[in-house]
Amino acid sequence: MTIDKRPRYILIAVLMILLFNYPLLSSANKPVMVGGIPQLYLYIVIVWPLSILLLYLTVISRNNKPDKQDE
């Protein structure tokens, strides 16, 4: 891992910690059914794959850039 990738990975990690921490999870933990699914379950089912997709897109975008070589 090069040094330029670390800030983006740290930012994604902090975002995931915030999304799965008490204040946001408690805001979704209400006795409300959305399409027959509890709101908390729906929040987790949507946010978790989106965070994985964000990590995947970050890795792919960083790996597709050509390396600069000194000639």
N, C-alpha and C. Protein backbone atom coordinates (compact mmCIF):
# COMPACT_ATOMS: atom_id res chain seq x y z
N MET A 1 0.85 -1.17 0.00
CA MET A 1 0.00 0.00 0.00
C MET A 1 0.90 1.23 0.00
N THR A 2 0.67 2.09 -0.94
CA THR A 2 1.45 3.31 -0.99
C THR A 2 0.85 4.35 -0.06
N ILE A 3 1.61 5.38 0.20
CA ILE A 3 1.20 6.38 1.17
C ILE A 3 -0.03 7.16 0.69
N ASP A 4 -0.20 7.35 -0.61
CA ASP A 4 -1.33 8.14 -1.09
C ASP A 4 -2.67 7.41 -0.94
N LYS A 5 -2.70 6.11 -0.72
CA LYS A 5 -3.95 5.37 -0.52
C LYS A 5 -4.45 5.47 0.91
N ARG A 6 -3.56 5.66 1.85
CA ARG A 6 -3.94 5.60 3.25
C ARG A 6 -5.00 6.61 3.66
N PRO A 7 -4.91 7.87 3.26
CA PRO A 7 -5.95 8.82 3.70
C PRO A 7 -7.36 8.43 3.25
N ARG A 8 -7.48 7.89 2.05
CA ARG A 8 -8.80 7.50 1.57
C ARG A 8 -9.34 6.30 2.35
N TYR A 9 -8.47 5.34 2.65
CA TYR A 9 -8.89 4.19 3.43
C TYR A 9 -9.26 4.60 4.86
N ILE A 10 -8.51 5.52 5.43
CA ILE A 10 -8.82 6.01 6.77
C ILE A 10 -10.15 6.74 6.76
N LEU A 11 -10.40 7.54 5.75
CA LEU A 11 -11.68 8.25 5.63
C LEU A 11 -12.85 7.27 5.52
N ILE A 12 -12.70 6.22 4.74
CA ILE A 12 -13.76 5.23 4.59
C ILE A 12 -13.97 4.48 5.91
N ALA A 13 -12.89 4.16 6.62
CA ALA A 13 -13.02 3.47 7.90
C ALA A 13 -13.76 4.34 8.92
N VAL A 14 -13.43 5.63 8.97
CA VAL A 14 -14.11 6.53 9.89
C VAL A 14 -15.58 6.67 9.51
N LEU A 15 -15.87 6.75 8.23
CA LEU A 15 -17.25 6.83 7.77
C LEU A 15 -18.04 5.60 8.17
N MET A 16 -17.44 4.42 8.01
CA MET A 16 -18.12 3.18 8.38
C MET A 16 -18.33 3.11 9.90
N ILE A 17 -17.36 3.56 10.67
CA ILE A 17 -17.52 3.58 12.12
C ILE A 17 -18.68 4.49 12.51
N LEU A 18 -18.77 5.64 11.88
CA LEU A 18 -19.86 6.56 12.19
C LEU A 18 -21.21 6.00 11.76
N LEU A 19 -21.26 5.35 10.61
CA LEU A 19 -22.53 4.80 10.13
C LEU A 19 -23.03 3.65 10.98
N PHE A 20 -22.12 2.90 11.60
CA PHE A 20 -22.53 1.75 12.39
C PHE A 20 -22.35 1.99 13.88
N ASN A 21 -22.35 3.24 14.31
CA ASN A 21 -22.22 3.58 15.71
C ASN A 21 -23.58 3.99 16.27
N TYR A 22 -23.63 4.21 17.57
CA TYR A 22 -24.88 4.41 18.29
C TYR A 22 -25.82 5.49 17.71
N PRO A 23 -25.40 6.70 17.48
CA PRO A 23 -26.41 7.70 17.09
C PRO A 23 -27.17 7.37 15.81
N LEU A 24 -26.48 6.92 14.80
CA LEU A 24 -27.18 6.63 13.55
C LEU A 24 -27.96 5.33 13.60
N LEU A 25 -27.42 4.33 14.29
CA LEU A 25 -28.18 3.08 14.43
C LEU A 25 -29.44 3.30 15.26
N SER A 26 -29.35 4.12 16.29
CA SER A 26 -30.54 4.35 17.11
C SER A 26 -31.59 5.17 16.36
N SER A 27 -31.15 6.00 15.42
CA SER A 27 -32.13 6.75 14.64
C SER A 27 -32.91 5.83 13.70
N ALA A 28 -32.31 4.72 13.32
CA ALA A 28 -33.00 3.77 12.46
C ALA A 28 -33.75 2.71 13.26
N ASN A 29 -33.52 2.65 14.57
CA ASN A 29 -34.16 1.63 15.40
C ASN A 29 -35.49 2.16 15.93
N LYS A 30 -36.47 2.18 15.06
CA LYS A 30 -37.81 2.64 15.41
C LYS A 30 -38.81 1.55 15.01
N PRO A 31 -39.94 1.51 15.68
CA PRO A 31 -40.93 0.48 15.34
C PRO A 31 -41.69 0.82 14.06
N VAL A 32 -40.96 1.07 13.01
CA VAL A 32 -41.55 1.43 11.72
C VAL A 32 -41.21 0.32 10.73
N MET A 33 -42.20 -0.11 9.99
CA MET A 33 -41.99 -1.13 8.96
C MET A 33 -42.00 -0.45 7.60
N VAL A 34 -40.97 -0.72 6.83
CA VAL A 34 -40.87 -0.19 5.47
C VAL A 34 -40.99 -1.38 4.53
N GLY A 35 -42.12 -1.48 3.89
CA GLY A 35 -42.36 -2.62 3.01
C GLY A 35 -42.38 -3.94 3.76
N GLY A 36 -42.78 -3.93 5.01
CA GLY A 36 -42.82 -5.15 5.81
C GLY A 36 -41.50 -5.51 6.45
N ILE A 37 -40.48 -4.66 6.30
CA ILE A 37 -39.16 -4.91 6.87
C ILE A 37 -38.91 -3.84 7.93
N PRO A 38 -38.43 -4.24 9.12
CA PRO A 38 -38.11 -3.23 10.13
C PRO A 38 -37.07 -2.24 9.61
N GLN A 39 -37.20 -1.00 10.02
CA GLN A 39 -36.35 0.08 9.51
C GLN A 39 -34.87 -0.16 9.83
N LEU A 40 -34.56 -0.71 11.00
CA LEU A 40 -33.18 -0.98 11.36
C LEU A 40 -32.56 -2.02 10.43
N TYR A 41 -33.29 -3.09 10.15
CA TYR A 41 -32.79 -4.12 9.24
C TYR A 41 -32.55 -3.54 7.85
N LEU A 42 -33.47 -2.73 7.40
CA LEU A 42 -33.33 -2.11 6.09
C LEU A 42 -32.10 -1.20 6.04
N TYR A 43 -31.87 -0.43 7.10
CA TYR A 43 -30.70 0.44 7.19
C TYR A 43 -29.41 -0.38 7.07
N ILE A 44 -29.33 -1.47 7.83
CA ILE A 44 -28.12 -2.29 7.81
C ILE A 44 -27.94 -2.96 6.45
N VAL A 45 -29.03 -3.46 5.87
CA VAL A 45 -28.95 -4.16 4.59
C VAL A 45 -28.56 -3.20 3.46
N ILE A 46 -28.86 -1.93 3.59
CA ILE A 46 -28.50 -0.96 2.56
C ILE A 46 -27.11 -0.39 2.80
N VAL A 47 -26.80 -0.01 4.03
CA VAL A 47 -25.53 0.67 4.32
C VAL A 47 -24.35 -0.28 4.23
N TRP A 48 -24.50 -1.51 4.68
CA TRP A 48 -23.38 -2.45 4.66
C TRP A 48 -22.91 -2.73 3.22
N PRO A 49 -23.76 -3.13 2.29
CA PRO A 49 -23.28 -3.34 0.91
C PRO A 49 -22.75 -2.05 0.26
N LEU A 50 -23.34 -0.91 0.60
CA LEU A 50 -22.81 0.35 0.03
C LEU A 50 -21.41 0.64 0.53
N SER A 51 -21.12 0.32 1.78
CA SER A 51 -19.77 0.54 2.29
C SER A 51 -18.79 -0.43 1.63
N ILE A 52 -19.21 -1.65 1.39
CA ILE A 52 -18.36 -2.61 0.69
C ILE A 52 -18.12 -2.15 -0.74
N LEU A 53 -19.16 -1.65 -1.39
CA LEU A 53 -19.03 -1.14 -2.76
C LEU A 53 -18.08 0.06 -2.81
N LEU A 54 -18.16 0.93 -1.82
CA LEU A 54 -17.26 2.08 -1.76
C LEU A 54 -15.81 1.64 -1.62
N LEU A 55 -15.56 0.66 -0.77
CA LEU A 55 -14.20 0.13 -0.64
C LEU A 55 -13.73 -0.51 -1.94
N TYR A 56 -14.60 -1.27 -2.57
CA TYR A 56 -14.26 -1.93 -3.83
C TYR A 56 -13.91 -0.90 -4.91
N LEU A 57 -14.75 0.13 -5.03
CA LEU A 57 -14.48 1.16 -6.04
C LEU A 57 -13.20 1.91 -5.75
N THR A 58 -12.88 2.11 -4.49
CA THR A 58 -11.64 2.77 -4.12
C THR A 58 -10.44 1.93 -4.52
N VAL A 59 -10.51 0.64 -4.23
CA VAL A 59 -9.39 -0.25 -4.59
C VAL A 59 -9.23 -0.33 -6.10
N ILE A 60 -10.33 -0.48 -6.82
CA ILE A 60 -10.27 -0.60 -8.27
C ILE A 60 -9.74 0.69 -8.91
N SER A 61 -10.22 1.83 -8.44
CA SER A 61 -9.78 3.09 -9.04
C SER A 61 -8.30 3.35 -8.77
N ARG A 62 -7.83 2.92 -7.63
CA ARG A 62 -6.41 3.12 -7.31
C ARG A 62 -5.52 2.14 -8.06
N ASN A 63 -6.01 0.93 -8.32
CA ASN A 63 -5.19 -0.07 -9.00
C ASN A 63 -5.16 0.13 -10.51
N ASN A 64 -6.11 0.84 -11.07
CA ASN A 64 -6.14 1.03 -12.53
C ASN A 64 -5.26 2.18 -12.99
N LYS A 65 -4.80 3.00 -12.06
CA LYS A 65 -3.93 4.11 -12.46
C LYS A 65 -2.54 3.57 -12.77
N PRO A 66 -1.97 3.98 -13.89
CA PRO A 66 -0.64 3.50 -14.23
C PRO A 66 0.40 4.07 -13.26
N ASP A 67 1.39 3.24 -12.95
CA ASP A 67 2.46 3.70 -12.07
C ASP A 67 3.38 4.63 -12.83
N LYS A 68 3.83 5.65 -12.14
CA LYS A 68 4.80 6.58 -12.73
C LYS A 68 6.18 5.98 -12.56
N GLN A 69 6.89 5.86 -13.65
CA GLN A 69 8.23 5.30 -13.58
C GLN A 69 9.22 6.35 -14.02
N ASP A 70 10.30 6.45 -13.29
CA ASP A 70 11.36 7.39 -13.65
C ASP A 70 12.20 6.78 -14.75
N GLU A 71 12.33 7.49 -15.82
CA GLU A 71 13.11 6.95 -16.94
C GLU A 71 14.31 7.81 -17.18
